[in-house]
Amino acid sequence: MTQIICVNDGSPDGCDLILDSYAKKDSRIIVINKKNGGVSSARNAAIEYIQQRWSICPPSHQEFITFVDPDDYLDIDTFKSCISKFSDEVDVICYGLERIFDYDVDDDGESCILSNSIGLEGVCEISNDVIKYTNHFLGAKIYKSNIIICNKIRFPNGIMFEDAYFTAVCLFNCRFICFENNNYYKYLIRRDSTCGQARSKNPNVAIHLMLSHKMLLNYMIANNIFGKFCNYYRYKFY
């Protein structure tokens, strides 16, 4: 069963009506309308929806989760190409992304591409080095749903770099990762991006980064995995 969960995070521009009109045309589209709570709250609302569905009717087959931000999109063949790469041991597929600018840039094209990793290919067992060199961009991955649902992984509210924390925690709980050498995720960059401006102009960026690091450290200690992944943590944050 395919579902597209669209979360309207209190948008005042009529997004709820637009999403509802799509949902009426396609039963696979699920719309969640909520008060504005930020990107973490919106993503968590979608995860909670899946969690509740599982509690009522556990899936009889493997399910998968990916995240796509507003304005961004995936190549049409993404799932067809990636789902077949999963196995009993492979818990996550990682692919590259392409930056799409809505304004003219002086670029030769190479800087528009962010690969899936640095020097990794095929199927790799999760380790310090594999996590270290994996592209941590949130949308460039498809996870087995049970990695997120069964481990109760959520995005931290109220801080920036929530995606880096979430990705690291998910990878900690995976066994093997498969690197797909295609740039399936299309990341739209707008000159007037609200999120981009908010991060670049926020004087507390360094504080948010430190809070994200501290939360990840606390997770590792609480789950007795700091010894296993301490080299990754030291590389990432020192």
C-alpha atoms as a PDB file:
ATOM      1  CA  MET A   1       0.000   0.000   0.000  1.00  0.00           C
ATOM      2  CA  THR A   2       1.366   3.383  -1.042  1.00  0.00           C
ATOM      3  CA  GLN A   3       0.510   6.479   0.963  1.00  0.00           C
ATOM      4  CA  ILE A   4       1.523  10.090   0.466  1.00  0.00           C
ATOM      5  CA  ILE A   5       1.183  11.835   3.825  1.00  0.00           C
ATOM      6  CA  CYS A   6       0.928  15.590   3.387  1.00  0.00           C
ATOM      7  CA  VAL A   7       1.213  17.713   6.520  1.00  0.00           C
ATOM      8  CA  ASN A   8      -0.188  21.227   6.472  1.00  0.00           C
ATOM      9  CA  ASP A   9       1.663  22.869   9.342  1.00  0.00           C
ATOM     10  CA  GLY A  10      -0.785  25.717   9.891  1.00  0.00           C
ATOM     11  CA  SER A  11      -0.121  27.381   6.545  1.00  0.00           C
ATOM     12  CA  PRO A  12      -2.337  30.485   6.077  1.00  0.00           C
ATOM     13  CA  ASP A  13      -2.264  30.444   2.266  1.00  0.00           C
ATOM     14  CA  GLY A  14      -4.971  27.861   1.610  1.00  0.00           C
ATOM     15  CA  CYS A  15      -2.762  24.781   1.514  1.00  0.00           C
ATOM     16  CA  ASP A  16      -5.418  22.824   3.382  1.00  0.00           C
ATOM     17  CA  LEU A  17      -7.924  23.342   0.570  1.00  0.00           C
ATOM     18  CA  ILE A  18      -5.389  22.450  -2.100  1.00  0.00           C
ATOM     19  CA  LEU A  19      -4.333  19.267  -0.296  1.00  0.00           C
ATOM     20  CA  ASP A  20      -7.936  18.253   0.402  1.00  0.00           C
ATOM     21  CA  SER A  21      -8.777  18.615  -3.281  1.00  0.00           C
ATOM     22  CA  TYR A  22      -5.928  16.241  -4.182  1.00  0.00           C
ATOM     23  CA  ALA A  23      -6.992  13.785  -1.475  1.00  0.00           C
ATOM     24  CA  LYS A  24     -10.477  13.618  -2.978  1.00  0.00           C
ATOM     25  CA  LYS A  25      -8.962  12.649  -6.326  1.00  0.00           C
ATOM     26  CA  ASP A  26      -6.510  10.058  -4.998  1.00  0.00           C
ATOM     27  CA  SER A  27      -7.201   7.819  -1.986  1.00  0.00           C
ATOM     28  CA  ARG A  28      -3.451   7.307  -1.444  1.00  0.00           C
ATOM     29  CA  ILE A  29      -3.092  10.918  -0.307  1.00  0.00           C
ATOM     30  CA  ILE A  30      -3.502  11.460   3.437  1.00  0.00           C
ATOM     31  CA  VAL A  31      -3.820  15.040   4.682  1.00  0.00           C
ATOM     32  CA  ILE A  32      -2.948  16.111   8.202  1.00  0.00           C
ATOM     33  CA  ASN A  33      -3.942  19.670   9.109  1.00  0.00           C
ATOM     34  CA  LYS A  34      -2.365  20.986  12.298  1.00  0.00           C
ATOM     35  CA  LYS A  35      -1.402  24.174  14.090  1.00  0.00           C
ATOM     36  CA  ASN A  36       1.956  25.595  13.133  1.00  0.00           C
ATOM     37  CA  GLY A  37       4.681  23.849  15.106  1.00  0.00           C
ATOM     38  CA  GLY A  38       7.714  23.870  12.857  1.00  0.00           C
ATOM     39  CA  VAL A  39       9.339  21.347  10.561  1.00  0.00           C
ATOM     40  CA  SER A  40      10.076  18.769  13.275  1.00  0.00           C
ATOM     41  CA  SER A  41       6.506  18.874  14.533  1.00  0.00           C
ATOM     42  CA  ALA A  42       5.174  18.414  10.996  1.00  0.00           C
ATOM     43  CA  ARG A  43       7.387  15.430  10.234  1.00  0.00           C
ATOM     44  CA  ASN A  44       6.633  13.875  13.610  1.00  0.00           C
ATOM     45  CA  ALA A  45       2.914  14.215  12.937  1.00  0.00           C
ATOM     46  CA  ALA A  46       3.338  12.030   9.850  1.00  0.00           C
ATOM     47  CA  ILE A  47       5.363   9.474  11.802  1.00  0.00           C
ATOM     48  CA  GLU A  48       2.736   9.417  14.563  1.00  0.00           C
ATOM     49  CA  TYR A  49       0.051   8.752  11.962  1.00  0.00           C
ATOM     50  CA  ILE A  50       1.973   5.693  10.786  1.00  0.00           C
ATOM     51  CA  GLN A  51       2.593   4.601  14.392  1.00  0.00           C
ATOM     52  CA  GLN A  52      -1.134   4.752  15.148  1.00  0.00           C
ATOM     53  CA  ARG A  53      -1.996   2.847  11.976  1.00  0.00           C
ATOM     54  CA  TRP A  54       0.481   0.132  12.945  1.00  0.00           C
ATOM     55  CA  SER A  55      -1.020  -0.114  16.466  1.00  0.00           C
ATOM     56  CA  ILE A  56      -4.459  -0.717  14.962  1.00  0.00           C
ATOM     57  CA  CYS A  57      -3.420  -2.953  12.086  1.00  0.00           C
ATOM     58  CA  PRO A  58       0.217  -4.094  11.962  1.00  0.00           C
ATOM     59  CA  PRO A  59       1.460  -4.360   8.367  1.00  0.00           C
ATOM     60  CA  SER A  60       1.718  -7.824   6.875  1.00  0.00           C
ATOM     61  CA  HIS A  61       4.552  -6.802   4.563  1.00  0.00           C
ATOM     62  CA  GLN A  62       7.597  -4.553   4.632  1.00  0.00           C
ATOM     63  CA  GLU A  63       6.890  -0.828   4.473  1.00  0.00           C
ATOM     64  CA  PHE A  64       9.221   2.060   3.693  1.00  0.00           C
ATOM     65  CA  ILE A  65       9.468   5.749   4.621  1.00  0.00           C
ATOM     66  CA  THR A  66      11.099   8.718   2.938  1.00  0.00           C
ATOM     67  CA  PHE A  67      10.760  12.468   3.435  1.00  0.00           C
ATOM     68  CA  VAL A  68      10.253  15.125   0.768  1.00  0.00           C
ATOM     69  CA  ASP A  69      10.178  18.797   1.740  1.00  0.00           C
ATOM     70  CA  PRO A  70       7.840  21.371   0.144  1.00  0.00           C
ATOM     71  CA  ASP A  71       8.962  22.489  -3.329  1.00  0.00           C
ATOM     72  CA  ASP A  72      11.298  19.476  -3.671  1.00  0.00           C
ATOM     73  CA  TYR A  73      10.557  16.339  -5.670  1.00  0.00           C
ATOM     74  CA  LEU A  74      11.877  12.899  -6.580  1.00  0.00           C
ATOM     75  CA  ASP A  75      12.592  11.367  -9.972  1.00  0.00           C
ATOM     76  CA  ILE A  76       9.612   9.359 -11.120  1.00  0.00           C
ATOM     77  CA  ASP A  77      11.610   6.096 -11.072  1.00  0.00           C
ATOM     78  CA  THR A  78      13.012   6.525  -7.554  1.00  0.00           C
ATOM     79  CA  PHE A  79      10.939   3.910  -5.777  1.00  0.00           C
ATOM     80  CA  LYS A  80      10.862   1.499  -8.681  1.00  0.00           C
ATOM     81  CA  SER A  81      14.664   1.526  -8.762  1.00  0.00           C
ATOM     82  CA  CYS A  82      15.343   1.574  -5.017  1.00  0.00           C
ATOM     83  CA  ILE A  83      12.829  -0.759  -3.394  1.00  0.00           C
ATOM     84  CA  SER A  84      14.307  -3.764  -5.192  1.00  0.00           C
ATOM     85  CA  LYS A  85      17.673  -2.997  -3.553  1.00  0.00           C
ATOM     86  CA  PHE A  86      16.343  -3.775  -0.073  1.00  0.00           C
ATOM     87  CA  SER A  87      17.042  -7.172   1.476  1.00  0.00           C
ATOM     88  CA  ASP A  88      16.658  -8.824   4.869  1.00  0.00           C
ATOM     89  CA  GLU A  89      19.799  -7.024   6.049  1.00  0.00           C
ATOM     90  CA  VAL A  90      19.672  -3.747   4.080  1.00  0.00           C
ATOM     91  CA  ASP A  91      17.634  -1.255   6.119  1.00  0.00           C
ATOM     92  CA  VAL A  92      18.231   1.959   4.195  1.00  0.00           C
ATOM     93  CA  ILE A  93      18.913   3.088   0.634  1.00  0.00           C
ATOM     94  CA  CYS A  94      20.941   6.265   0.141  1.00  0.00           C
ATOM     95  CA  TYR A  95      21.108   8.205  -3.129  1.00  0.00           C
ATOM     96  CA  GLY A  96      22.407  11.576  -4.286  1.00  0.00           C
ATOM     97  CA  LEU A  97      20.635  14.862  -4.804  1.00  0.00           C
ATOM     98  CA  GLU A  98      20.621  17.608  -7.365  1.00  0.00           C
ATOM     99  CA  ARG A  99      20.226  21.254  -6.458  1.00  0.00           C
ATOM    100  CA  ILE A 100      17.692  23.035  -8.648  1.00  0.00           C
ATOM    101  CA  PHE A 101      17.943  26.841  -8.557  1.00  0.00           C
ATOM    102  CA  ASP A 102      14.981  29.072  -9.374  1.00  0.00           C
ATOM    103  CA  TYR A 103      17.370  31.857 -10.350  1.00  0.00           C
ATOM    104  CA  ASP A 104      20.410  32.159 -12.613  1.00  0.00           C
ATOM    105  CA  VAL A 105      23.685  30.958 -11.095  1.00  0.00           C
ATOM    106  CA  ASP A 106      27.214  31.043 -12.443  1.00  0.00           C
ATOM    107  CA  ASP A 107      27.841  27.327 -12.204  1.00  0.00           C
ATOM    108  CA  ASP A 108      29.325  24.555 -14.329  1.00  0.00           C
ATOM    109  CA  GLY A 109      26.827  22.014 -12.981  1.00  0.00           C
ATOM    110  CA  GLU A 110      29.163  20.039 -10.758  1.00  0.00           C
ATOM    111  CA  SER A 111      28.372  22.000  -7.581  1.00  0.00           C
ATOM    112  CA  CYS A 112      24.688  21.287  -8.167  1.00  0.00           C
ATOM    113  CA  ILE A 113      25.251  17.613  -7.360  1.00  0.00           C
ATOM    114  CA  LEU A 114      25.669  16.176  -3.878  1.00  0.00           C
ATOM    115  CA  SER A 115      26.614  12.504  -4.094  1.00  0.00           C
ATOM    116  CA  ASN A 116      25.303   9.790  -1.809  1.00  0.00           C
ATOM    117  CA  SER A 117      28.609   9.474   0.031  1.00  0.00           C
ATOM    118  CA  ILE A 118      32.348  10.003  -0.085  1.00  0.00           C
ATOM    119  CA  GLY A 119      33.916   6.933  -1.663  1.00  0.00           C
ATOM    120  CA  LEU A 120      31.241   4.407  -0.673  1.00  0.00           C
ATOM    121  CA  GLU A 121      29.325   2.152  -3.050  1.00  0.00           C
ATOM    122  CA  GLY A 122      27.154  -0.935  -3.095  1.00  0.00           C
ATOM    123  CA  VAL A 123      26.049  -2.527   0.189  1.00  0.00           C
ATOM    124  CA  CYS A 124      28.018  -1.604   3.315  1.00  0.00           C
ATOM    125  CA  GLU A 125      27.672  -2.671   6.912  1.00  0.00           C
ATOM    126  CA  ILE A 126      26.963   0.246   9.229  1.00  0.00           C
ATOM    127  CA  SER A 127      30.099   1.389  11.030  1.00  0.00           C
ATOM    128  CA  ASN A 128      31.802   4.564  12.232  1.00  0.00           C
ATOM    129  CA  ASP A 129      33.388   5.182   8.845  1.00  0.00           C
ATOM    130  CA  VAL A 130      30.276   4.359   6.845  1.00  0.00           C
ATOM    131  CA  ILE A 131      28.158   6.806   8.856  1.00  0.00           C
ATOM    132  CA  LYS A 132      30.973   9.355   8.710  1.00  0.00           C
ATOM    133  CA  TYR A 133      31.136   9.337   4.910  1.00  0.00           C
ATOM    134  CA  THR A 134      27.415   8.955   4.194  1.00  0.00           C
ATOM    135  CA  ASN A 135      25.514  11.953   2.863  1.00  0.00           C
ATOM    136  CA  HIS A 136      23.332  13.036   5.819  1.00  0.00           C
ATOM    137  CA  PHE A 137      20.780  14.935   3.729  1.00  0.00           C
ATOM    138  CA  LEU A 138      17.409  13.807   5.084  1.00  0.00           C
ATOM    139  CA  GLY A 139      15.484  13.415   1.838  1.00  0.00           C
ATOM    140  CA  ALA A 140      18.170  11.376   0.068  1.00  0.00           C
ATOM    141  CA  LYS A 141      17.200   8.134   1.800  1.00  0.00           C
ATOM    142  CA  ILE A 142      14.487   5.510   1.986  1.00  0.00           C
ATOM    143  CA  TYR A 143      14.226   3.612   5.278  1.00  0.00           C
ATOM    144  CA  LYS A 144      12.459   0.450   6.255  1.00  0.00           C
ATOM    145  CA  SER A 145       9.565   1.799   8.309  1.00  0.00           C
ATOM    146  CA  ASN A 146      10.314  -0.428  11.283  1.00  0.00           C
ATOM    147  CA  ILE A 147      13.675   1.322  11.782  1.00  0.00           C
ATOM    148  CA  ILE A 148      11.811   4.530  12.622  1.00  0.00           C
ATOM    149  CA  ILE A 149       8.583   3.171  14.102  1.00  0.00           C
ATOM    150  CA  CYS A 150       9.904   0.322  16.273  1.00  0.00           C
ATOM    151  CA  ASN A 151      12.793   2.408  17.610  1.00  0.00           C
ATOM    152  CA  LYS A 152      10.462   5.381  18.216  1.00  0.00           C
ATOM    153  CA  ILE A 153      12.788   7.783  16.433  1.00  0.00           C
ATOM    154  CA  ARG A 154      11.506  11.342  16.216  1.00  0.00           C
ATOM    155  CA  PHE A 155      12.756  14.759  15.162  1.00  0.00           C
ATOM    156  CA  PRO A 156      13.751  17.012  18.070  1.00  0.00           C
ATOM    157  CA  ASN A 157      11.481  20.037  18.382  1.00  0.00           C
ATOM    158  CA  GLY A 158      12.652  23.598  18.772  1.00  0.00           C
ATOM    159  CA  ILE A 159      16.186  23.307  17.389  1.00  0.00           C
ATOM    160  CA  MET A 160      17.936  23.589  14.044  1.00  0.00           C
ATOM    161  CA  PHE A 161      19.924  20.675  12.599  1.00  0.00           C
ATOM    162  CA  GLU A 162      17.083  18.363  13.556  1.00  0.00           C
ATOM    163  CA  ASP A 163      17.595  16.464  10.302  1.00  0.00           C
ATOM    164  CA  ALA A 164      21.256  15.696  11.109  1.00  0.00           C
ATOM    165  CA  TYR A 165      20.254  14.287  14.500  1.00  0.00           C
ATOM    166  CA  PHE A 166      17.427  12.211  13.010  1.00  0.00           C
ATOM    167  CA  THR A 167      19.596  10.796  10.220  1.00  0.00           C
ATOM    168  CA  ALA A 168      22.402   9.801  12.591  1.00  0.00           C
ATOM    169  CA  VAL A 169      20.009   8.063  15.003  1.00  0.00           C
ATOM    170  CA  CYS A 170      18.353   6.182  12.149  1.00  0.00           C
ATOM    171  CA  LEU A 171      21.714   5.011  10.828  1.00  0.00           C
ATOM    172  CA  PHE A 172      22.751   3.883  14.331  1.00  0.00           C
ATOM    173  CA  ASN A 173      19.771   1.506  14.234  1.00  0.00           C
ATOM    174  CA  CYS A 174      20.397   0.143  10.737  1.00  0.00           C
ATOM    175  CA  ARG A 175      22.452  -2.944   9.923  1.00  0.00           C
ATOM    176  CA  PHE A 176      23.423  -2.399   6.283  1.00  0.00           C
ATOM    177  CA  ILE A 177      23.068   0.519   3.877  1.00  0.00           C
ATOM    178  CA  CYS A 178      22.907   0.368   0.077  1.00  0.00           C
ATOM    179  CA  PHE A 179      24.295   3.260  -1.967  1.00  0.00           C
ATOM    180  CA  GLU A 180      22.390   3.979  -5.169  1.00  0.00           C
ATOM    181  CA  ASN A 181      24.454   5.967  -7.676  1.00  0.00           C
ATOM    182  CA  ASN A 182      21.715   8.252  -8.949  1.00  0.00           C
ATOM    183  CA  ASN A 183      20.695  11.761  -7.935  1.00  0.00           C
ATOM    184  CA  TYR A 184      17.026  11.009  -7.389  1.00  0.00           C
ATOM    185  CA  TYR A 185      16.257  13.848  -4.981  1.00  0.00           C
ATOM    186  CA  LYS A 186      15.683  17.284  -6.536  1.00  0.00           C
ATOM    187  CA  TYR A 187      16.355  20.029  -4.016  1.00  0.00           C
ATOM    188  CA  LEU A 188      14.821  23.345  -5.023  1.00  0.00           C
ATOM    189  CA  ILE A 189      16.764  26.399  -3.865  1.00  0.00           C
ATOM    190  CA  ARG A 190      14.814  29.648  -3.962  1.00  0.00           C
ATOM    191  CA  ARG A 191      16.433  33.033  -3.521  1.00  0.00           C
ATOM    192  CA  ASP A 192      13.691  34.051  -1.070  1.00  0.00           C
ATOM    193  CA  SER A 193      13.615  30.755   0.837  1.00  0.00           C
ATOM    194  CA  THR A 194      12.177  31.381   4.299  1.00  0.00           C
ATOM    195  CA  CYS A 195      14.000  28.432   5.857  1.00  0.00           C
ATOM    196  CA  GLY A 196      17.305  29.338   4.275  1.00  0.00           C
ATOM    197  CA  GLN A 197      17.074  32.937   5.388  1.00  0.00           C
ATOM    198  CA  ALA A 198      16.014  31.937   8.894  1.00  0.00           C
ATOM    199  CA  ARG A 199      19.078  29.749   9.368  1.00  0.00           C
ATOM    200  CA  SER A 200      21.572  32.126   7.769  1.00  0.00           C
ATOM    201  CA  LYS A 201      20.331  35.136   9.745  1.00  0.00           C
ATOM    202  CA  ASN A 202      19.775  33.412  13.074  1.00  0.00           C
ATOM    203  CA  PRO A 203      22.424  34.599  15.567  1.00  0.00           C
ATOM    204  CA  ASN A 204      21.941  31.428  17.620  1.00  0.00           C
ATOM    205  CA  VAL A 205      22.966  28.949  14.920  1.00  0.00           C
ATOM    206  CA  ALA A 206      26.035  27.855  16.897  1.00  0.00           C
ATOM    207  CA  ILE A 207      23.906  27.276  19.992  1.00  0.00           C
ATOM    208  CA  HIS A 208      21.438  25.150  18.022  1.00  0.00           C
ATOM    209  CA  LEU A 209      24.319  23.124  16.601  1.00  0.00           C
ATOM    210  CA  MET A 210      25.648  22.482  20.104  1.00  0.00           C
ATOM    211  CA  LEU A 211      22.176  21.475  21.320  1.00  0.00           C
ATOM    212  CA  SER A 212      21.871  19.022  18.445  1.00  0.00           C
ATOM    213  CA  HIS A 213      25.274  17.541  19.316  1.00  0.00           C
ATOM    214  CA  LYS A 214      24.322  17.233  22.971  1.00  0.00           C
ATOM    215  CA  MET A 215      21.041  15.496  22.158  1.00  0.00           C
ATOM    216  CA  LEU A 216      22.863  12.999  19.950  1.00  0.00           C
ATOM    217  CA  LEU A 217      25.435  12.324  22.647  1.00  0.00           C
ATOM    218  CA  ASN A 218      22.666  11.787  25.213  1.00  0.00           C
ATOM    219  CA  TYR A 219      20.941   9.341  22.845  1.00  0.00           C
ATOM    220  CA  MET A 220      24.142   7.372  22.329  1.00  0.00           C
ATOM    221  CA  ILE A 221      24.807   7.152  26.064  1.00  0.00           C
ATOM    222  CA  ALA A 222      21.207   6.268  26.937  1.00  0.00           C
ATOM    223  CA  ASN A 223      21.193   3.451  24.365  1.00  0.00           C
ATOM    224  CA  ASN A 224      24.671   2.148  25.244  1.00  0.00           C
ATOM    225  CA  ILE A 225      26.098   2.724  21.764  1.00  0.00           C
ATOM    226  CA  PHE A 226      28.617   5.482  22.430  1.00  0.00           C
ATOM    227  CA  GLY A 227      31.457   2.963  22.560  1.00  0.00           C
ATOM    228  CA  LYS A 228      30.405   1.559  19.194  1.00  0.00           C
ATOM    229  CA  PHE A 229      30.048   4.895  17.413  1.00  0.00           C
ATOM    230  CA  CYS A 230      32.319   7.186  19.444  1.00  0.00           C
ATOM    231  CA  ASN A 231      34.754   7.666  16.549  1.00  0.00           C
ATOM    232  CA  TYR A 232      31.947   8.979  14.354  1.00  0.00           C
ATOM    233  CA  TYR A 233      30.845  11.387  17.080  1.00  0.00           C
ATOM    234  CA  ARG A 234      34.360  12.690  17.616  1.00  0.00           C
ATOM    235  CA  TYR A 235      34.887  13.130  13.887  1.00  0.00           C
ATOM    236  CA  LYS A 236      31.560  14.883  13.405  1.00  0.00           C
ATOM    237  CA  PHE A 237      31.634  17.281  16.273  1.00  0.00           C
ATOM    238  CA  TYR A 238      35.191  18.012  17.307  1.00  0.00           C
END
